Amino acid sequence: MAIELCGARLLSPIYGTSLYVWSSVLALTLAGLATGYFFGAFLSLKENTKKVLQNVIALACICIALIPFLAHYIIPRISYLNFNFAVILSTALLIFLPLACLGCTSPLFIKIISNNVNAGKYSGTVYGVSTLGGILSTFISGFFIIPNFGFNVTIISFSLFLYFVTILTLKQINWFLLLVFVFAIYISVFISNKNSNLLFSKNGLNGTVNVAEYQVSNQTIRLLSINNIIQTEYNLTTKTSSSNYLKLIENEVEEDSLKGKVLILGLGGGILSNILINKGYEVKAIEFDKTIIDCAKNYFNLNSKTVVIEDDARNYINKCDEKFQYIIFDLFKSEECPSHVVTIESLNKIKNIINPNGKVFVNWHGYYKNEIGKGTLTLINTFKAAGFDVNLKSTSLNEAHSNLVFKCNLNDKIKANPYFEINSDNFQILEKQNALASLQWRKNYLNYYQSNK
């Protein structure tokens, strides 16, 4: 499970974490384990089962130790291929072989401890213990090692722990495989992934959070990114953001000229919060990832007047009892859409915490026409079903390179279109409806990423 978790996260800087990526990860996890079970059954027929088991675990540790190297050097070059094929091939390279090797161990363990007696009892014990180990490793890696030390340290630590526990338990060493393992550790630990422009890097709840600084035409640009996708771009020289959607929201709020409390769902670098506070608004920002909050404070001069709450946006909406003049959804992260936050149930709760003349703004991708725009049409219809009138503003006429900003206000006369679907808690269809747009967004990103190599 730790391999599956880390493998998916190491793919995300290039391929994202869309349905396509997770489907590939889950399918190849099962394929690797199934292959290992079948091949392990074959290996269990051989003599000296302990030696076979030790060699199989050593191969598994070698494959695990190579994951950081493959993710850094090989996967980016595979991304030039057809997107779906590249995702499957990359996933296979990272997790298929180590999981297949680990899958081989179960039949071998069963043979060693059962000695062909009470095989059912011992097989249940082996699979039970391995499942509990998977649960434990997932909690340890997900809640402690990854957030504090990163994916590479997590992977290397598990490979070292598994290898030396195997040596101590089986009391056998294949010196050739040990040398190969040490070499695999070496090339993964000392891979050249240093970025001289990097000010900060840490694995947060949403992925790898980086803050980098660049000089462009005698101006200093500071970037906040999650999994290499820019979340905040701030010009330190001019003290302005280059994100057009922020300017669009700023202009709409300024034109509305109604002061009051603002709720921002998704802090990012805190640039929007700073803009609104400087204009006299009270701002409360909800951010799920503490790493992002720390970056906003330490690297983007988050105004101390911003009230920041570390929480999931939907959870906060559910329990909030304040009233706001403006509520801004800024949760769009690369191609990932916050489906659970923009259900009709969530929007009905929003109605209870917004002033009667208040407005809701949503930062969204630029696609709104034809089949690729189905996600946008679903979101519009969901807002209408909740009693909001929706006005779309776009940062560019080119859908592929623009952001849409939803400007929504309460209107009891607005009705949903019966021919369009609605995103709800029980039927969260937004990700499905948005699948083509998400895929195209990722392809556009890969084209840009590759052209700037």
Foldseek 3Di string as FASTA:
>chain_A
DLLLVLLLQLCCLAQNNAPLLNVLSVVLLVVLLVLLQVVLLVLLVDPPLLVVLLVLLLQLLLLLLLLLVCSVPPLLVLCVDDNSVSSNVSSCSRPRSSSSSVSSNLSSQLCVVQVPPPSVVSSVVSVVVVVVVVVVLCCCVLVPCCQVPNSNCSSNVVSVVSNVVSCVVSVDDDVVSVVSSVVSNVCSVPPPPDDPQWPDWGQKNQHIWTWGWDADPNWIWIFIAHSNHTLFIATPVVRDTPALVLVVVVVVCVVVVDEEEEEEEACALVSSVVSVVVVPHQYEYEAQIVVRVVCSVPPVVHPPSYHYDHDHQLVCLVPDQAATQEYEYSPCHQLDDPLQCQALVNVLSVVNRYDQNHKYKYKAAQDCDDQLNLLVLQSCLSLLCNAKDWDWDWSDPPRLPIIIMIIIHGHNVRHGDPVHHGAHPVRRCSSVSNVSVSNSSSVVVSVVVVVVD
